[in-house]
């Protein structure tokens, strides 16, 4: 990897075939980011400088929330994320949770 750290595009073109649109893409992207970081260290410049310069000083990120079968617990977890400063929240309810909640709220 040391001989190719400054040629990120060449390495990325070889590994992108192992990505896709699911979790594998995240792995490929993680490797690409690590390669940019290594190249930046080799040239003693921030990786963002090699990618065209700083674009933002802040970015909005989302915060995932661990699942719970109890809507009250889920609500408390979401409130904690907001209290921690997150403004973009994600939750994975799953179809099983939705069916149970819908049945409970409709008295089934």
Foldseek 3Di string as FASTA:
>chain_A
DVVCLQVLVVVLVVCVVQADPDVSVVVSVVVSVVSLCSNCVVVVHHSVVVVPDDDDPDDADEDEFDDDLDVVVSVVRVVVVVVVPHDHYDYDCDPVSVVVVVCVVVVD
